[in-house]
N, C-alpha and C. Protein backbone atom coordinates (compact mmCIF):
# COMPACT_ATOMS: atom_id res chain seq x y z
N MET A 1 -2.97 1.09 17.45
CA MET A 1 -3.20 1.54 16.09
C MET A 1 -1.89 1.41 15.31
N GLU A 2 -1.96 0.87 14.13
CA GLU A 2 -0.73 0.71 13.35
C GLU A 2 -0.37 2.00 12.64
N ASN A 3 0.91 2.14 12.32
CA ASN A 3 1.38 3.32 11.61
C ASN A 3 0.92 3.29 10.17
N LEU A 4 0.76 4.45 9.61
CA LEU A 4 0.32 4.61 8.23
C LEU A 4 1.41 5.38 7.48
N THR A 5 1.83 4.87 6.36
CA THR A 5 2.80 5.56 5.52
C THR A 5 2.08 6.08 4.29
N ILE A 6 2.22 7.36 4.05
CA ILE A 6 1.59 7.98 2.88
C ILE A 6 2.69 8.45 1.95
N GLN A 7 2.60 8.03 0.70
CA GLN A 7 3.59 8.45 -0.29
C GLN A 7 2.86 9.11 -1.46
N THR A 8 3.46 10.17 -1.98
CA THR A 8 2.93 10.81 -3.16
C THR A 8 4.09 11.38 -3.96
N LYS A 9 3.94 11.42 -5.25
CA LYS A 9 4.95 12.03 -6.11
C LYS A 9 4.56 13.48 -6.34
N ALA A 10 5.57 14.35 -6.39
CA ALA A 10 5.32 15.77 -6.63
C ALA A 10 6.39 16.30 -7.57
N GLN A 11 6.01 17.31 -8.34
CA GLN A 11 6.96 17.91 -9.26
C GLN A 11 7.07 19.40 -8.97
N LEU A 12 8.19 19.97 -9.32
CA LEU A 12 8.44 21.39 -9.12
C LEU A 12 7.43 22.20 -9.92
N ALA A 13 6.80 23.17 -9.28
CA ALA A 13 5.84 24.04 -9.98
C ALA A 13 6.59 25.01 -10.88
N THR A 14 6.02 25.29 -12.03
CA THR A 14 6.65 26.23 -12.96
C THR A 14 5.79 27.47 -13.19
N SER A 15 4.52 27.41 -12.77
CA SER A 15 3.61 28.54 -12.99
C SER A 15 2.50 28.50 -11.94
N ILE A 16 2.05 29.68 -11.55
CA ILE A 16 0.93 29.75 -10.60
C ILE A 16 -0.34 29.15 -11.22
N LYS A 17 -0.39 29.06 -12.53
CA LYS A 17 -1.56 28.49 -13.20
C LYS A 17 -1.79 27.04 -12.79
N GLU A 18 -0.74 26.37 -12.31
CA GLU A 18 -0.88 24.99 -11.85
C GLU A 18 -1.74 24.89 -10.59
N LEU A 19 -1.93 26.01 -9.91
CA LEU A 19 -2.76 26.05 -8.70
C LEU A 19 -4.16 26.57 -9.01
N MET A 20 -4.46 26.72 -10.30
CA MET A 20 -5.75 27.27 -10.71
C MET A 20 -6.54 26.25 -11.51
N ASP A 21 -7.85 26.41 -11.48
CA ASP A 21 -8.73 25.55 -12.26
C ASP A 21 -8.61 25.94 -13.73
N PRO A 22 -8.26 25.00 -14.60
CA PRO A 22 -8.06 25.34 -16.01
C PRO A 22 -9.36 25.79 -16.71
N MET A 23 -10.49 25.38 -16.20
CA MET A 23 -11.77 25.75 -16.82
C MET A 23 -12.21 27.17 -16.44
N THR A 24 -12.01 27.53 -15.17
CA THR A 24 -12.51 28.82 -14.69
C THR A 24 -11.42 29.88 -14.53
N GLY A 25 -10.16 29.44 -14.43
CA GLY A 25 -9.07 30.38 -14.21
C GLY A 25 -9.01 30.89 -12.78
N LYS A 26 -9.81 30.28 -11.89
CA LYS A 26 -9.83 30.69 -10.48
C LYS A 26 -9.02 29.71 -9.65
N ARG A 27 -8.72 30.12 -8.42
CA ARG A 27 -7.97 29.26 -7.50
C ARG A 27 -8.68 27.93 -7.28
N ARG A 28 -7.88 26.87 -7.17
CA ARG A 28 -8.44 25.55 -6.87
C ARG A 28 -8.45 25.40 -5.36
N LEU A 29 -9.50 25.92 -4.73
CA LEU A 29 -9.59 25.93 -3.28
C LEU A 29 -9.45 24.53 -2.72
N GLY A 30 -8.58 24.40 -1.72
CA GLY A 30 -8.35 23.11 -1.08
C GLY A 30 -7.24 22.29 -1.72
N MET A 31 -6.75 22.72 -2.89
CA MET A 31 -5.69 21.95 -3.56
C MET A 31 -4.42 21.97 -2.71
N VAL A 32 -3.88 20.79 -2.46
CA VAL A 32 -2.68 20.65 -1.64
C VAL A 32 -1.44 20.84 -2.51
N TYR A 33 -0.48 21.59 -1.96
CA TYR A 33 0.84 21.73 -2.57
C TYR A 33 1.86 21.69 -1.45
N PHE A 34 3.12 21.58 -1.80
CA PHE A 34 4.17 21.49 -0.80
C PHE A 34 5.14 22.65 -0.96
N GLN A 35 5.57 23.21 0.18
CA GLN A 35 6.54 24.30 0.18
C GLN A 35 7.83 23.79 0.81
N ARG A 36 8.94 23.99 0.10
CA ARG A 36 10.25 23.63 0.65
C ARG A 36 10.67 24.72 1.62
N LEU A 37 11.06 24.32 2.82
CA LEU A 37 11.48 25.25 3.86
C LEU A 37 12.98 25.53 3.75
N GLU A 38 13.43 26.55 4.45
CA GLU A 38 14.85 26.93 4.42
C GLU A 38 15.75 25.79 4.88
N ASP A 39 15.28 24.97 5.82
CA ASP A 39 16.11 23.86 6.32
C ASP A 39 16.05 22.63 5.42
N GLY A 40 15.33 22.74 4.29
CA GLY A 40 15.24 21.62 3.35
C GLY A 40 14.01 20.75 3.55
N GLY A 41 13.30 20.94 4.65
CA GLY A 41 12.09 20.16 4.90
C GLY A 41 10.94 20.64 4.02
N LEU A 42 9.83 19.94 4.10
CA LEU A 42 8.64 20.30 3.33
C LEU A 42 7.47 20.51 4.27
N ILE A 43 6.58 21.40 3.90
CA ILE A 43 5.34 21.60 4.63
C ILE A 43 4.20 21.51 3.62
N ALA A 44 3.14 20.79 3.99
CA ALA A 44 1.96 20.70 3.12
C ALA A 44 1.10 21.94 3.36
N ARG A 45 0.63 22.52 2.28
CA ARG A 45 -0.25 23.69 2.34
C ARG A 45 -1.43 23.42 1.42
N SER A 46 -2.47 24.23 1.54
CA SER A 46 -3.58 24.12 0.59
C SER A 46 -3.98 25.52 0.14
N VAL A 47 -4.47 25.60 -1.07
CA VAL A 47 -4.90 26.86 -1.65
C VAL A 47 -6.17 27.32 -0.94
N SER A 48 -6.18 28.58 -0.52
CA SER A 48 -7.35 29.15 0.13
C SER A 48 -7.59 30.55 -0.43
N LEU A 49 -8.66 31.18 0.02
CA LEU A 49 -8.93 32.56 -0.40
C LEU A 49 -7.86 33.51 0.12
N GLU A 50 -7.18 33.13 1.21
CA GLU A 50 -6.14 33.97 1.80
C GLU A 50 -4.76 33.74 1.18
N THR A 51 -4.62 32.75 0.32
CA THR A 51 -3.32 32.47 -0.31
C THR A 51 -2.89 33.70 -1.10
N ASP A 52 -1.71 34.23 -0.79
CA ASP A 52 -1.18 35.43 -1.45
C ASP A 52 -0.54 35.04 -2.78
N PRO A 53 -1.16 35.41 -3.90
CA PRO A 53 -0.62 34.99 -5.19
C PRO A 53 0.79 35.53 -5.46
N ASP A 54 1.10 36.74 -5.00
CA ASP A 54 2.43 37.29 -5.23
C ASP A 54 3.49 36.50 -4.47
N SER A 55 3.17 36.09 -3.25
CA SER A 55 4.09 35.28 -2.45
C SER A 55 4.32 33.93 -3.11
N VAL A 56 3.24 33.31 -3.60
CA VAL A 56 3.36 32.01 -4.26
C VAL A 56 4.19 32.14 -5.53
N LYS A 57 3.95 33.19 -6.32
CA LYS A 57 4.74 33.41 -7.54
C LYS A 57 6.23 33.51 -7.22
N GLN A 58 6.56 34.23 -6.15
CA GLN A 58 7.96 34.38 -5.75
C GLN A 58 8.55 33.03 -5.35
N MET A 59 7.79 32.23 -4.60
CA MET A 59 8.29 30.92 -4.19
C MET A 59 8.46 30.00 -5.40
N ILE A 60 7.58 30.12 -6.39
CA ILE A 60 7.72 29.33 -7.62
C ILE A 60 9.01 29.73 -8.34
N ARG A 61 9.25 31.04 -8.44
CA ARG A 61 10.50 31.52 -9.07
C ARG A 61 11.73 31.00 -8.33
N ASN A 62 11.62 30.88 -7.01
CA ASN A 62 12.73 30.39 -6.18
C ASN A 62 12.75 28.87 -6.06
N GLN A 63 11.91 28.19 -6.84
CA GLN A 63 11.83 26.73 -6.87
C GLN A 63 11.57 26.13 -5.49
N LYS A 64 10.56 26.67 -4.81
CA LYS A 64 10.20 26.18 -3.48
C LYS A 64 8.81 25.57 -3.41
N ILE A 65 8.10 25.49 -4.54
CA ILE A 65 6.74 24.95 -4.55
C ILE A 65 6.70 23.68 -5.39
N TYR A 66 6.09 22.64 -4.81
CA TYR A 66 5.94 21.35 -5.50
C TYR A 66 4.46 21.01 -5.55
N ILE A 67 4.04 20.48 -6.70
CA ILE A 67 2.65 20.11 -6.92
C ILE A 67 2.57 18.59 -7.03
N PRO A 68 1.68 17.94 -6.26
CA PRO A 68 1.52 16.48 -6.42
C PRO A 68 1.12 16.14 -7.86
N THR A 69 1.65 15.03 -8.36
CA THR A 69 1.32 14.62 -9.73
C THR A 69 -0.14 14.19 -9.84
N LYS A 70 -0.72 13.71 -8.74
CA LYS A 70 -2.15 13.43 -8.67
C LYS A 70 -2.74 14.44 -7.70
N THR A 71 -3.73 15.20 -8.14
CA THR A 71 -4.30 16.27 -7.33
C THR A 71 -4.83 15.73 -6.01
N ILE A 72 -4.49 16.44 -4.93
CA ILE A 72 -4.99 16.13 -3.58
C ILE A 72 -5.79 17.34 -3.13
N ILE A 73 -7.00 17.12 -2.65
CA ILE A 73 -7.85 18.20 -2.17
C ILE A 73 -8.06 18.04 -0.67
N ALA A 74 -7.80 19.13 0.07
CA ALA A 74 -8.02 19.15 1.51
C ALA A 74 -9.39 19.74 1.80
N GLU A 75 -9.97 19.34 2.91
CA GLU A 75 -11.25 19.90 3.32
C GLU A 75 -11.04 21.36 3.69
N THR A 76 -11.95 22.22 3.26
CA THR A 76 -11.89 23.64 3.60
C THR A 76 -13.20 24.04 4.25
N LYS A 77 -13.16 25.14 4.99
CA LYS A 77 -14.37 25.65 5.65
C LYS A 77 -15.01 26.71 4.81
């Protein structure tokens, strides 16, 4: 099987509203975002019902959340 390279552009999040549906004001379940780790690496995450909004707000203030410029949706259960 050949290797696959996936590239996407992402921008620093400025508001938790970027993780919400603009029409309903509710969480965009399955929306992928990236969290910068302490070591400088990134981890892909997705919005779920368990996503803690206060924690996400704090990470946005600390400039640790990046949103893909083209929305990516992950499968959710």
